[in-house]
Amino acid sequence: MPGNQDESVMTFQTTFRVMMADRTLSAENLGHGLSPTPDGVESPCGLCIRVPAANVGDATELLAEKRIVWEQIYRRSAGGWESYEPDGAG
């Protein structure tokens, strides 16, 4: 998935939270991946979840349902990564 223009990155406050998110999303086969936080993305945790842009809404809904709190969501743009709030998230 690295380098894919149609991907988003979800950041988390702690490694524990990112690992819980990974386990939760794995059960739903959302095409996500656990990876180091890319350059240009601000996060206190060195790991992030990469999710296909088409699955971000499902991922945020599932994590919210399980009460797993993410910090921020970024999408790749021509200039790097930009923070955004996907439709229906929160």
C-alpha atoms as a PDB file:
ATOM      1  CA  MET A   1       0.000   0.000   0.000  1.00  0.00           C
ATOM      2  CA  PRO A   2       2.849   2.525   0.468  1.00  0.00           C
ATOM      3  CA  GLY A   3       2.862   5.198  -2.212  1.00  0.00           C
ATOM      4  CA  ASN A   4      -0.812   4.712  -3.034  1.00  0.00           C
ATOM      5  CA  GLN A   5      -2.584   8.020  -3.748  1.00  0.00           C
ATOM      6  CA  ASP A   6      -5.897   6.527  -2.593  1.00  0.00           C
ATOM      7  CA  GLU A   7      -4.844   5.765   0.968  1.00  0.00           C
ATOM      8  CA  SER A   8      -5.396   7.398   4.313  1.00  0.00           C
ATOM      9  CA  VAL A   9      -3.380   7.195   7.503  1.00  0.00           C
ATOM     10  CA  MET A  10      -4.898   6.991  10.971  1.00  0.00           C
ATOM     11  CA  THR A  11      -2.707   8.054  13.900  1.00  0.00           C
ATOM     12  CA  PHE A  12      -3.063   7.128  17.566  1.00  0.00           C
ATOM     13  CA  GLN A  13      -1.762   8.447  20.892  1.00  0.00           C
ATOM     14  CA  THR A  14      -0.179   5.164  21.960  1.00  0.00           C
ATOM     15  CA  THR A  15       1.192   1.931  20.566  1.00  0.00           C
ATOM     16  CA  PHE A  16      -1.421   0.062  22.610  1.00  0.00           C
ATOM     17  CA  ARG A  17      -4.243   1.889  20.815  1.00  0.00           C
ATOM     18  CA  VAL A  18      -2.779   1.330  17.358  1.00  0.00           C
ATOM     19  CA  MET A  19      -2.369  -2.387  18.124  1.00  0.00           C
ATOM     20  CA  MET A  20      -5.977  -2.609  19.345  1.00  0.00           C
ATOM     21  CA  ALA A  21      -7.135  -0.838  16.173  1.00  0.00           C
ATOM     22  CA  ASP A  22      -5.093  -3.228  14.046  1.00  0.00           C
ATOM     23  CA  ARG A  23      -6.643  -6.250  15.751  1.00  0.00           C
ATOM     24  CA  THR A  24     -10.158  -4.816  15.410  1.00  0.00           C
ATOM     25  CA  LEU A  25      -9.791  -3.870  11.740  1.00  0.00           C
ATOM     26  CA  SER A  26      -8.191  -7.223  10.901  1.00  0.00           C
ATOM     27  CA  ALA A  27     -11.399  -8.972  11.900  1.00  0.00           C
ATOM     28  CA  GLU A  28     -13.272  -6.986   9.219  1.00  0.00           C
ATOM     29  CA  ASN A  29     -10.803  -7.327   6.319  1.00  0.00           C
ATOM     30  CA  LEU A  30     -10.787  -3.610   5.447  1.00  0.00           C
ATOM     31  CA  GLY A  31      -7.502  -3.810   3.539  1.00  0.00           C
ATOM     32  CA  HIS A  32      -5.613  -1.866   6.186  1.00  0.00           C
ATOM     33  CA  GLY A  33      -1.981  -2.173   7.154  1.00  0.00           C
ATOM     34  CA  LEU A  34       0.133  -1.382  10.183  1.00  0.00           C
ATOM     35  CA  SER A  35       3.191   0.713   9.309  1.00  0.00           C
ATOM     36  CA  PRO A  36       5.632   3.301  10.629  1.00  0.00           C
ATOM     37  CA  THR A  37       4.169   6.797  10.693  1.00  0.00           C
ATOM     38  CA  PRO A  38       5.250   8.446   7.419  1.00  0.00           C
ATOM     39  CA  ASP A  39       7.259  11.673   7.205  1.00  0.00           C
ATOM     40  CA  GLY A  40       4.930  14.665   7.182  1.00  0.00           C
ATOM     41  CA  VAL A  41       2.399  13.097   9.552  1.00  0.00           C
ATOM     42  CA  GLU A  42       2.422  14.340  13.138  1.00  0.00           C
ATOM     43  CA  SER A  43       1.867  11.721  15.813  1.00  0.00           C
ATOM     44  CA  PRO A  44       3.243  10.896  19.253  1.00  0.00           C
ATOM     45  CA  CYS A  45       3.208   7.204  18.261  1.00  0.00           C
ATOM     46  CA  GLY A  46       5.661   5.850  15.702  1.00  0.00           C
ATOM     47  CA  LEU A  47       3.082   3.474  14.216  1.00  0.00           C
ATOM     48  CA  CYS A  48      -0.042   4.184  12.209  1.00  0.00           C
ATOM     49  CA  ILE A  49      -2.789   2.369  10.357  1.00  0.00           C
ATOM     50  CA  ARG A  50      -2.933   2.795   6.567  1.00  0.00           C
ATOM     51  CA  VAL A  51      -6.429   2.346   5.164  1.00  0.00           C
ATOM     52  CA  PRO A  52      -7.679   2.513   1.572  1.00  0.00           C
ATOM     53  CA  ALA A  53      -9.522   5.831   1.225  1.00  0.00           C
ATOM     54  CA  ALA A  54     -12.714   3.993   0.278  1.00  0.00           C
ATOM     55  CA  ASN A  55     -12.685   2.163   3.646  1.00  0.00           C
ATOM     56  CA  VAL A  56     -11.969   5.057   6.019  1.00  0.00           C
ATOM     57  CA  GLY A  57     -15.639   5.557   6.895  1.00  0.00           C
ATOM     58  CA  ASP A  58     -16.065   1.871   7.747  1.00  0.00           C
ATOM     59  CA  ALA A  59     -12.836   1.897   9.759  1.00  0.00           C
ATOM     60  CA  THR A  60     -13.778   4.959  11.820  1.00  0.00           C
ATOM     61  CA  GLU A  61     -17.274   3.601  12.428  1.00  0.00           C
ATOM     62  CA  LEU A  62     -15.940   0.258  13.618  1.00  0.00           C
ATOM     63  CA  LEU A  63     -13.293   1.815  15.869  1.00  0.00           C
ATOM     64  CA  ALA A  64     -15.821   4.227  17.372  1.00  0.00           C
ATOM     65  CA  GLU A  65     -18.176   1.308  18.001  1.00  0.00           C
ATOM     66  CA  LYS A  66     -15.370  -0.497  19.876  1.00  0.00           C
ATOM     67  CA  ARG A  67     -14.408   2.749  21.667  1.00  0.00           C
ATOM     68  CA  ILE A  68     -10.917   2.778  20.207  1.00  0.00           C
ATOM     69  CA  VAL A  69      -9.874   6.412  19.934  1.00  0.00           C
ATOM     70  CA  TRP A  70      -7.736   7.560  17.029  1.00  0.00           C
ATOM     71  CA  GLU A  71      -5.873  10.845  17.067  1.00  0.00           C
ATOM     72  CA  GLN A  72      -6.039  12.129  13.493  1.00  0.00           C
ATOM     73  CA  ILE A  73      -6.685  11.003   9.923  1.00  0.00           C
ATOM     74  CA  TYR A  74      -4.507  12.108   7.020  1.00  0.00           C
ATOM     75  CA  ARG A  75      -4.840  11.639   3.283  1.00  0.00           C
ATOM     76  CA  ARG A  76      -2.139  11.814   0.683  1.00  0.00           C
ATOM     77  CA  SER A  77      -2.177  14.946  -1.482  1.00  0.00           C
ATOM     78  CA  ALA A  78       0.118  16.372  -4.136  1.00  0.00           C
ATOM     79  CA  GLY A  79       2.014  18.232  -1.396  1.00  0.00           C
ATOM     80  CA  GLY A  80       2.350  15.310   1.008  1.00  0.00           C
ATOM     81  CA  TRP A  81      -0.124  14.437   3.761  1.00  0.00           C
ATOM     82  CA  GLU A  82      -3.046  16.612   4.881  1.00  0.00           C
ATOM     83  CA  SER A  83      -5.238  16.214   7.917  1.00  0.00           C
ATOM     84  CA  TYR A  84      -8.941  15.791   7.294  1.00  0.00           C
ATOM     85  CA  GLU A  85     -12.216  14.670   8.851  1.00  0.00           C
ATOM     86  CA  PRO A  86     -13.919  11.994   6.722  1.00  0.00           C
ATOM     87  CA  ASP A  87     -17.670  12.142   6.131  1.00  0.00           C
ATOM     88  CA  GLY A  88     -19.548  10.530   8.974  1.00  0.00           C
ATOM     89  CA  ALA A  89     -16.534  10.346  11.290  1.00  0.00           C
ATOM     90  CA  GLY A  90     -16.451  11.565  14.792  1.00  0.00           C
END
